Amino acid sequence: MLLLHLRGLRSKLLKDLGKFKMGKACIYIKKLSDINQDASKRLMKETISFLKKKYPGDRKDG
């Protein structure tokens, strides 16, 4: 399961991901072998970057 907050980039990043199902804010993957690992990493990095910009004061890592 992966939290997703990428409005415009969502379809661009998801098209290369592979086999998954999607809810409103989650991606459901049965097996890691079903998805493209590089696309998954890009998706996570973009999501984390977006969240850090949107909620700069909410970080606990400094």
N, C-alpha and C. Protein backbone atom coordinates (compact mmCIF):
# COMPACT_ATOMS: atom_id res chain seq x y z
N MET A 1 0.85 -1.16 0.00
CA MET A 1 0.00 0.00 0.00
C MET A 1 0.90 1.24 0.00
N LEU A 2 0.53 2.20 -0.79
CA LEU A 2 1.34 3.40 -0.93
C LEU A 2 0.45 4.61 -0.97
N LEU A 3 0.70 5.56 -0.09
CA LEU A 3 -0.07 6.80 -0.09
C LEU A 3 0.32 7.63 -1.30
N LEU A 4 -0.66 8.16 -1.98
CA LEU A 4 -0.39 8.87 -3.22
C LEU A 4 -1.04 10.23 -3.21
N HIS A 5 -0.25 11.28 -3.37
CA HIS A 5 -0.76 12.65 -3.38
C HIS A 5 -0.21 13.39 -4.59
N LEU A 6 -0.22 12.78 -5.74
CA LEU A 6 0.37 13.40 -6.93
C LEU A 6 -0.69 13.63 -7.98
N ARG A 7 -1.30 14.75 -7.97
CA ARG A 7 -2.41 15.00 -8.88
C ARG A 7 -2.00 14.91 -10.34
N GLY A 8 -1.22 15.85 -10.82
CA GLY A 8 -0.86 15.89 -12.23
C GLY A 8 0.11 14.80 -12.65
N LEU A 9 1.00 14.43 -11.76
CA LEU A 9 2.02 13.43 -12.10
C LEU A 9 1.52 12.00 -11.96
N ARG A 10 0.37 11.83 -11.36
CA ARG A 10 -0.12 10.49 -11.04
C ARG A 10 -0.15 9.57 -12.25
N SER A 11 -0.82 9.96 -13.32
CA SER A 11 -0.96 9.06 -14.47
C SER A 11 0.38 8.82 -15.16
N LYS A 12 1.22 9.83 -15.20
CA LYS A 12 2.54 9.69 -15.83
C LYS A 12 3.38 8.66 -15.07
N LEU A 13 3.37 8.72 -13.76
CA LEU A 13 4.17 7.80 -12.96
C LEU A 13 3.54 6.41 -12.87
N LEU A 14 2.23 6.34 -12.88
CA LEU A 14 1.56 5.05 -12.73
C LEU A 14 1.57 4.21 -13.99
N LYS A 15 1.67 4.83 -15.16
CA LYS A 15 1.60 4.05 -16.39
C LYS A 15 2.75 3.05 -16.52
N ASP A 16 3.89 3.35 -15.90
CA ASP A 16 5.05 2.46 -15.97
C ASP A 16 5.15 1.51 -14.79
N LEU A 17 4.24 1.62 -13.84
CA LEU A 17 4.36 0.86 -12.60
C LEU A 17 4.15 -0.64 -12.79
N GLY A 18 3.18 -1.02 -13.56
CA GLY A 18 2.91 -2.45 -13.75
C GLY A 18 1.51 -2.81 -13.28
N LYS A 19 1.35 -4.04 -12.77
CA LYS A 19 0.04 -4.56 -12.38
C LYS A 19 -0.28 -4.17 -10.93
N PHE A 20 -1.38 -3.43 -10.75
CA PHE A 20 -1.81 -3.00 -9.43
C PHE A 20 -3.28 -2.61 -9.48
N LYS A 21 -3.89 -2.48 -8.32
CA LYS A 21 -5.23 -1.92 -8.21
C LYS A 21 -5.10 -0.64 -7.40
N MET A 22 -6.01 0.30 -7.63
CA MET A 22 -5.89 1.57 -6.96
C MET A 22 -7.19 1.99 -6.30
N GLY A 23 -7.09 2.42 -5.04
CA GLY A 23 -8.21 3.01 -4.33
C GLY A 23 -8.11 4.52 -4.48
N LYS A 24 -8.72 5.26 -3.57
CA LYS A 24 -8.67 6.72 -3.65
C LYS A 24 -7.27 7.25 -3.40
N ALA A 25 -6.56 6.70 -2.44
CA ALA A 25 -5.22 7.19 -2.11
C ALA A 25 -4.21 6.07 -1.91
N CYS A 26 -4.57 4.86 -2.29
CA CYS A 26 -3.69 3.71 -2.06
C CYS A 26 -3.50 2.91 -3.34
N ILE A 27 -2.35 2.30 -3.43
CA ILE A 27 -2.05 1.37 -4.51
C ILE A 27 -1.93 0.00 -3.87
N TYR A 28 -2.62 -0.97 -4.41
CA TYR A 28 -2.60 -2.33 -3.89
C TYR A 28 -1.82 -3.23 -4.85
N ILE A 29 -0.76 -3.85 -4.33
CA ILE A 29 0.11 -4.70 -5.13
C ILE A 29 0.11 -6.09 -4.50
N LYS A 30 -0.15 -7.10 -5.31
CA LYS A 30 -0.16 -8.47 -4.77
C LYS A 30 1.26 -9.00 -4.60
N LYS A 31 2.10 -8.83 -5.63
CA LYS A 31 3.47 -9.33 -5.57
C LYS A 31 4.42 -8.25 -6.07
N LEU A 32 5.56 -8.12 -5.43
CA LEU A 32 6.53 -7.13 -5.89
C LEU A 32 7.00 -7.41 -7.31
N SER A 33 6.96 -8.66 -7.71
CA SER A 33 7.37 -9.01 -9.07
C SER A 33 6.38 -8.49 -10.12
N ASP A 34 5.19 -8.06 -9.69
CA ASP A 34 4.18 -7.52 -10.61
C ASP A 34 4.46 -6.07 -11.02
N ILE A 35 5.36 -5.40 -10.29
CA ILE A 35 5.58 -3.99 -10.59
C ILE A 35 7.03 -3.71 -11.00
N ASN A 36 7.19 -2.58 -11.66
CA ASN A 36 8.51 -2.10 -12.06
C ASN A 36 9.13 -1.40 -10.85
N GLN A 37 10.23 -1.94 -10.34
CA GLN A 37 10.86 -1.41 -9.13
C GLN A 37 11.35 0.03 -9.31
N ASP A 38 11.89 0.35 -10.47
CA ASP A 38 12.37 1.72 -10.73
C ASP A 38 11.20 2.71 -10.73
N ALA A 39 10.10 2.34 -11.35
CA ALA A 39 8.92 3.20 -11.37
C ALA A 39 8.37 3.38 -9.95
N SER A 40 8.41 2.32 -9.16
CA SER A 40 7.96 2.39 -7.77
C SER A 40 8.81 3.36 -6.96
N LYS A 41 10.12 3.31 -7.14
CA LYS A 41 11.02 4.22 -6.44
C LYS A 41 10.76 5.66 -6.84
N ARG A 42 10.56 5.91 -8.14
CA ARG A 42 10.27 7.27 -8.60
C ARG A 42 8.97 7.78 -7.99
N LEU A 43 7.98 6.92 -7.96
CA LEU A 43 6.68 7.28 -7.40
C LEU A 43 6.80 7.62 -5.92
N MET A 44 7.54 6.83 -5.16
CA MET A 44 7.73 7.11 -3.74
C MET A 44 8.50 8.41 -3.52
N LYS A 45 9.56 8.63 -4.29
CA LYS A 45 10.34 9.86 -4.16
C LYS A 45 9.50 11.09 -4.46
N GLU A 46 8.69 11.03 -5.51
CA GLU A 46 7.84 12.16 -5.86
C GLU A 46 6.78 12.40 -4.79
N THR A 47 6.22 11.33 -4.23
CA THR A 47 5.22 11.46 -3.18
C THR A 47 5.83 12.09 -1.93
N ILE A 48 7.00 11.62 -1.53
CA ILE A 48 7.68 12.16 -0.34
C ILE A 48 8.04 13.63 -0.56
N SER A 49 8.54 13.96 -1.72
CA SER A 49 8.89 15.34 -2.04
C SER A 49 7.66 16.25 -1.97
N PHE A 50 6.56 15.80 -2.54
CA PHE A 50 5.31 16.56 -2.51
C PHE A 50 4.86 16.80 -1.07
N LEU A 51 4.88 15.74 -0.25
CA LEU A 51 4.41 15.86 1.12
C LEU A 51 5.30 16.77 1.96
N LYS A 52 6.62 16.73 1.72
CA LYS A 52 7.53 17.62 2.45
C LYS A 52 7.27 19.08 2.10
N LYS A 53 6.95 19.35 0.84
CA LYS A 53 6.65 20.72 0.44
C LYS A 53 5.30 21.18 0.98
N LYS A 54 4.33 20.29 0.95
CA LYS A 54 2.97 20.64 1.39
C LYS A 54 2.88 20.81 2.91
N TYR A 55 3.63 20.00 3.66
CA TYR A 55 3.58 20.03 5.12
C TYR A 55 4.99 20.21 5.71
N PRO A 56 5.62 21.35 5.47
CA PRO A 56 7.01 21.53 5.91
C PRO A 56 7.20 21.52 7.43
N GLY A 57 6.23 21.95 8.21
CA GLY A 57 6.38 22.00 9.66
C GLY A 57 6.03 20.71 10.36
N ASP A 58 5.52 19.74 9.65
CA ASP A 58 5.06 18.49 10.27
C ASP A 58 6.13 17.41 10.34
N ARG A 59 7.33 17.69 9.87
CA ARG A 59 8.38 16.68 9.86
C ARG A 59 9.00 16.52 11.23
N LYS A 60 9.28 15.29 11.60
CA LYS A 60 9.90 15.00 12.89
C LYS A 60 11.39 14.68 12.75
N ASP A 61 11.90 14.66 11.52
CA ASP A 61 13.30 14.30 11.32
C ASP A 61 14.21 15.53 11.29
N GLY A 62 13.72 16.66 11.64
CA GLY A 62 14.55 17.84 11.74
C GLY A 62 14.29 18.77 10.67
